[in-house]
Amino acid sequence: MNYEHLAIELKGMAQIVYAIAESPFENPEALVFISEHLDAIAKIVEDDVKNGRV
């Protein structure tokens, strides 16, 4: 994953989180989905930093 793709992923997730926050309905599955993906992205970034790719 390159950082351009990472930025697109993060922007998309931010839009989803905003939509959930504005929604009158609770959607815990969506929040779990987003949380899992943010965690995966964080691990990729951590690995890239640790391995000097940044």
PDB file of N, CA and C in Angstrom:
ATOM      1  N   MET A   1       0.870  -1.174   0.000  1.00  0.00           N
ATOM      2  CA  MET A   1       0.000   0.000   0.000  1.00  0.00           C
ATOM      3  C   MET A   1       0.908   1.225   0.000  1.00  0.00           C
ATOM      4  N   ASN A   2       0.656   2.139  -0.937  1.00  0.00           N
ATOM      5  CA  ASN A   2       1.433   3.371  -0.918  1.00  0.00           C
ATOM      6  C   ASN A   2       0.684   4.431  -0.116  1.00  0.00           C
ATOM      7  N   TYR A   3       1.354   5.520   0.128  1.00  0.00           N
ATOM      8  CA  TYR A   3       0.770   6.531   1.007  1.00  0.00           C
ATOM      9  C   TYR A   3      -0.349   7.316   0.349  1.00  0.00           C
ATOM     10  N   GLU A   4      -0.359   7.359  -0.983  1.00  0.00           N
ATOM     11  CA  GLU A   4      -1.489   7.990  -1.678  1.00  0.00           C
ATOM     12  C   GLU A   4      -2.755   7.166  -1.431  1.00  0.00           C
ATOM     13  N   HIS A   5      -2.631   5.856  -1.530  1.00  0.00           N
ATOM     14  CA  HIS A   5      -3.762   4.962  -1.267  1.00  0.00           C
ATOM     15  C   HIS A   5      -4.173   5.047   0.198  1.00  0.00           C
ATOM     16  N   LEU A   6      -3.190   5.136   1.069  1.00  0.00           N
ATOM     17  CA  LEU A   6      -3.470   5.277   2.500  1.00  0.00           C
ATOM     18  C   LEU A   6      -4.296   6.530   2.767  1.00  0.00           C
ATOM     19  N   ALA A   7      -3.921   7.627   2.143  1.00  0.00           N
ATOM     20  CA  ALA A   7      -4.663   8.876   2.334  1.00  0.00           C
ATOM     21  C   ALA A   7      -6.098   8.739   1.851  1.00  0.00           C
ATOM     22  N   ILE A   8      -6.293   8.082   0.727  1.00  0.00           N
ATOM     23  CA  ILE A   8      -7.646   7.874   0.196  1.00  0.00           C
ATOM     24  C   ILE A   8      -8.462   7.030   1.170  1.00  0.00           C
ATOM     25  N   GLU A   9      -7.852   5.965   1.691  1.00  0.00           N
ATOM     26  CA  GLU A   9      -8.537   5.103   2.661  1.00  0.00           C
ATOM     27  C   GLU A   9      -8.946   5.895   3.904  1.00  0.00           C
ATOM     28  N   LEU A  10      -8.036   6.683   4.413  1.00  0.00           N
ATOM     29  CA  LEU A  10      -8.325   7.446   5.629  1.00  0.00           C
ATOM     30  C   LEU A  10      -9.409   8.487   5.398  1.00  0.00           C
ATOM     31  N   LYS A  11      -9.380   9.146   4.243  1.00  0.00           N
ATOM     32  CA  LYS A  11     -10.418  10.132   3.931  1.00  0.00           C
ATOM     33  C   LYS A  11     -11.782   9.461   3.825  1.00  0.00           C
ATOM     34  N   GLY A  12     -11.826   8.295   3.193  1.00  0.00           N
ATOM     35  CA  GLY A  12     -13.080   7.563   3.075  1.00  0.00           C
ATOM     36  C   GLY A  12     -13.621   7.145   4.430  1.00  0.00           C
ATOM     37  N   MET A  13     -12.735   6.675   5.285  1.00  0.00           N
ATOM     38  CA  MET A  13     -13.165   6.267   6.617  1.00  0.00           C
ATOM     39  C   MET A  13     -13.633   7.461   7.434  1.00  0.00           C
ATOM     40  N   ALA A  14     -12.978   8.583   7.268  1.00  0.00           N
ATOM     41  CA  ALA A  14     -13.410   9.790   7.976  1.00  0.00           C
ATOM     42  C   ALA A  14     -14.817  10.188   7.546  1.00  0.00           C
ATOM     43  N   GLN A  15     -15.111  10.059   6.264  1.00  0.00           N
ATOM     44  CA  GLN A  15     -16.455  10.382   5.772  1.00  0.00           C
ATOM     45  C   GLN A  15     -17.487   9.424   6.349  1.00  0.00           C
ATOM     46  N   ILE A  16     -17.125   8.152   6.451  1.00  0.00           N
ATOM     47  CA  ILE A  16     -18.043   7.160   7.010  1.00  0.00           C
ATOM     48  C   ILE A  16     -18.301   7.453   8.487  1.00  0.00           C
ATOM     49  N   VAL A  17     -17.244   7.744   9.230  1.00  0.00           N
ATOM     50  CA  VAL A  17     -17.401   8.058  10.652  1.00  0.00           C
ATOM     51  C   VAL A  17     -18.289   9.281  10.823  1.00  0.00           C
ATOM     52  N   TYR A  18     -18.086  10.291  10.002  1.00  0.00           N
ATOM     53  CA  TYR A  18     -18.902  11.507  10.076  1.00  0.00           C
ATOM     54  C   TYR A  18     -20.368  11.171   9.804  1.00  0.00           C
ATOM     55  N   ALA A  19     -20.616  10.348   8.783  1.00  0.00           N
ATOM     56  CA  ALA A  19     -21.989   9.972   8.449  1.00  0.00           C
ATOM     57  C   ALA A  19     -22.641   9.199   9.590  1.00  0.00           C
ATOM     58  N   ILE A  20     -21.888   8.314  10.221  1.00  0.00           N
ATOM     59  CA  ILE A  20     -22.425   7.556  11.354  1.00  0.00           C
ATOM     60  C   ILE A  20     -22.737   8.502  12.511  1.00  0.00           C
ATOM     61  N   ALA A  21     -21.842   9.441  12.751  1.00  0.00           N
ATOM     62  CA  ALA A  21     -22.055  10.392  13.845  1.00  0.00           C
ATOM     63  C   ALA A  21     -23.290  11.247  13.609  1.00  0.00           C
ATOM     64  N   GLU A  22     -23.583  11.560  12.356  1.00  0.00           N
ATOM     65  CA  GLU A  22     -24.734  12.389  12.020  1.00  0.00           C
ATOM     66  C   GLU A  22     -26.033  11.580  11.936  1.00  0.00           C
ATOM     67  N   SER A  23     -25.918  10.267  11.892  1.00  0.00           N
ATOM     68  CA  SER A  23     -27.082   9.399  11.726  1.00  0.00           C
ATOM     69  C   SER A  23     -27.848   9.257  13.039  1.00  0.00           C
ATOM     70  N   PRO A  24     -29.182   9.239  12.959  1.00  0.00           N
ATOM     71  CA  PRO A  24     -29.966   9.015  14.174  1.00  0.00           C
ATOM     72  C   PRO A  24     -29.965   7.544  14.604  1.00  0.00           C
ATOM     73  N   PHE A  25     -29.400   6.668  13.775  1.00  0.00           N
ATOM     74  CA  PHE A  25     -29.394   5.238  14.055  1.00  0.00           C
ATOM     75  C   PHE A  25     -28.011   4.812  14.525  1.00  0.00           C
ATOM     76  N   GLU A  26     -27.972   3.903  15.460  1.00  0.00           N
ATOM     77  CA  GLU A  26     -26.692   3.357  15.893  1.00  0.00           C
ATOM     78  C   GLU A  26     -26.287   2.257  14.926  1.00  0.00           C
ATOM     79  N   ASN A  27     -25.017   2.194  14.629  1.00  0.00           N
ATOM     80  CA  ASN A  27     -24.525   1.173  13.720  1.00  0.00           C
ATOM     81  C   ASN A  27     -23.188   0.648  14.233  1.00  0.00           C
ATOM     82  N   PRO A  28     -23.225  -0.179  15.280  1.00  0.00           N
ATOM     83  CA  PRO A  28     -21.968  -0.642  15.864  1.00  0.00           C
ATOM     84  C   PRO A  28     -21.133  -1.501  14.910  1.00  0.00           C
ATOM     85  N   GLU A  29     -21.782  -2.223  13.990  1.00  0.00           N
ATOM     86  CA  GLU A  29     -21.026  -3.041  13.041  1.00  0.00           C
ATOM     87  C   GLU A  29     -20.138  -2.170  12.167  1.00  0.00           C
ATOM     88  N   ALA A  30     -20.657  -1.030  11.759  1.00  0.00           N
ATOM     89  CA  ALA A  30     -19.865  -0.119  10.929  1.00  0.00           C
ATOM     90  C   ALA A  30     -18.675   0.419  11.712  1.00  0.00           C
ATOM     91  N   LEU A  31     -18.888   0.718  12.979  1.00  0.00           N
ATOM     92  CA  LEU A  31     -17.786   1.225  13.792  1.00  0.00           C
ATOM     93  C   LEU A  31     -16.712   0.158  14.003  1.00  0.00           C
ATOM     94  N   VAL A  32     -17.117  -1.088  14.177  1.00  0.00           N
ATOM     95  CA  VAL A  32     -16.155  -2.184  14.310  1.00  0.00           C
ATOM     96  C   VAL A  32     -15.376  -2.342  13.007  1.00  0.00           C
ATOM     97  N   PHE A  33     -16.073  -2.287  11.877  1.00  0.00           N
ATOM     98  CA  PHE A  33     -15.442  -2.385  10.562  1.00  0.00           C
ATOM     99  C   PHE A  33     -14.382  -1.301  10.401  1.00  0.00           C
ATOM    100  N   ILE A  34     -14.741  -0.080  10.723  1.00  0.00           N
ATOM    101  CA  ILE A  34     -13.815   1.047  10.592  1.00  0.00           C
ATOM    102  C   ILE A  34     -12.640   0.873  11.550  1.00  0.00           C
ATOM    103  N   SER A  35     -12.920   0.475  12.764  1.00  0.00           N
ATOM    104  CA  SER A  35     -11.868   0.282  13.755  1.00  0.00           C
ATOM    105  C   SER A  35     -10.855  -0.759  13.289  1.00  0.00           C
ATOM    106  N   GLU A  36     -11.334  -1.863  12.745  1.00  0.00           N
ATOM    107  CA  GLU A  36     -10.443  -2.915  12.263  1.00  0.00           C
ATOM    108  C   GLU A  36      -9.569  -2.414  11.122  1.00  0.00           C
ATOM    109  N   HIS A  37     -10.161  -1.649  10.208  1.00  0.00           N
ATOM    110  CA  HIS A  37      -9.390  -1.133   9.079  1.00  0.00           C
ATOM    111  C   HIS A  37      -8.384  -0.072   9.517  1.00  0.00           C
ATOM    112  N   LEU A  38      -8.767   0.787  10.437  1.00  0.00           N
ATOM    113  CA  LEU A  38      -7.820   1.781  10.941  1.00  0.00           C
ATOM    114  C   LEU A  38      -6.652   1.098  11.643  1.00  0.00           C
ATOM    115  N   ASP A  39      -6.930   0.031  12.376  1.00  0.00           N
ATOM    116  CA  ASP A  39      -5.873  -0.714  13.046  1.00  0.00           C
ATOM    117  C   ASP A  39      -4.929  -1.339  12.022  1.00  0.00           C
ATOM    118  N   ALA A  40      -5.485  -1.904  10.962  1.00  0.00           N
ATOM    119  CA  ALA A  40      -4.658  -2.508   9.916  1.00  0.00           C
ATOM    120  C   ALA A  40      -3.785  -1.460   9.233  1.00  0.00           C
ATOM    121  N   ILE A  41      -4.351  -0.302   8.958  1.00  0.00           N
ATOM    122  CA  ILE A  41      -3.581   0.772   8.329  1.00  0.00           C
ATOM    123  C   ILE A  41      -2.471   1.241   9.267  1.00  0.00           C
ATOM    124  N   ALA A  42      -2.785   1.372  10.541  1.00  0.00           N
ATOM    125  CA  ALA A  42      -1.776   1.791  11.513  1.00  0.00           C
ATOM    126  C   ALA A  42      -0.613   0.799  11.556  1.00  0.00           C
ATOM    127  N   LYS A  43      -0.911  -0.487  11.471  1.00  0.00           N
ATOM    128  CA  LYS A  43       0.147  -1.500  11.484  1.00  0.00           C
ATOM    129  C   LYS A  43       1.025  -1.378  10.244  1.00  0.00           C
ATOM    130  N   ILE A  44       0.424  -1.100   9.096  1.00  0.00           N
ATOM    131  CA  ILE A  44       1.200  -0.918   7.867  1.00  0.00           C
ATOM    132  C   ILE A  44       2.137   0.274   8.010  1.00  0.00           C
ATOM    133  N   VAL A  45       1.605   1.368   8.516  1.00  0.00           N
ATOM    134  CA  VAL A  45       2.426   2.572   8.693  1.00  0.00           C
ATOM    135  C   VAL A  45       3.542   2.302   9.702  1.00  0.00           C
ATOM    136  N   GLU A  46       3.220   1.639  10.803  1.00  0.00           N
ATOM    137  CA  GLU A  46       4.241   1.317  11.804  1.00  0.00           C
ATOM    138  C   GLU A  46       5.352   0.469  11.198  1.00  0.00           C
ATOM    139  N   ASP A  47       4.983  -0.535  10.404  1.00  0.00           N
ATOM    140  CA  ASP A  47       5.979  -1.386   9.754  1.00  0.00           C
ATOM    141  C   ASP A  47       6.843  -0.586   8.785  1.00  0.00           C
ATOM    142  N   ASP A  48       6.215   0.298   8.015  1.00  0.00           N
ATOM    143  CA  ASP A  48       6.967   1.126   7.070  1.00  0.00           C
ATOM    144  C   ASP A  48       7.957   2.023   7.793  1.00  0.00           C
ATOM    145  N   VAL A  49       7.529   2.608   8.892  1.00  0.00           N
ATOM    146  CA  VAL A  49       8.417   3.479   9.664  1.00  0.00           C
ATOM    147  C   VAL A  49       9.558   2.656  10.261  1.00  0.00           C
ATOM    148  N   LYS A  50       9.212   1.515  10.844  1.00  0.00           N
ATOM    149  CA  LYS A  50      10.213   0.665  11.480  1.00  0.00           C
ATOM    150  C   LYS A  50      11.246   0.169  10.467  1.00  0.00           C
ATOM    151  N   ASN A  51      10.807  -0.096   9.245  1.00  0.00           N
ATOM    152  CA  ASN A  51      11.696  -0.627   8.214  1.00  0.00           C
ATOM    153  C   ASN A  51      12.309   0.456   7.337  1.00  0.00           C
ATOM    154  N   GLY A  52      12.132   1.723   7.715  1.00  0.00           N
ATOM    155  CA  GLY A  52      12.772   2.822   7.012  1.00  0.00           C
ATOM    156  C   GLY A  52      12.219   3.129   5.636  1.00  0.00           C
ATOM    157  N   ARG A  53      10.984   2.759   5.373  1.00  0.00           N
ATOM    158  CA  ARG A  53      10.390   3.030   4.059  1.00  0.00           C
ATOM    159  C   ARG A  53       9.710   4.389   4.000  1.00  0.00           C
ATOM    160  N   VAL A  54       9.757   5.119   5.094  1.00  0.00           N
ATOM    161  CA  VAL A  54       9.116   6.440   5.116  1.00  0.00           C
ATOM    162  C   VAL A  54      10.187   7.498   5.174  1.00  0.00           C
TER     163      VAL A  54
END
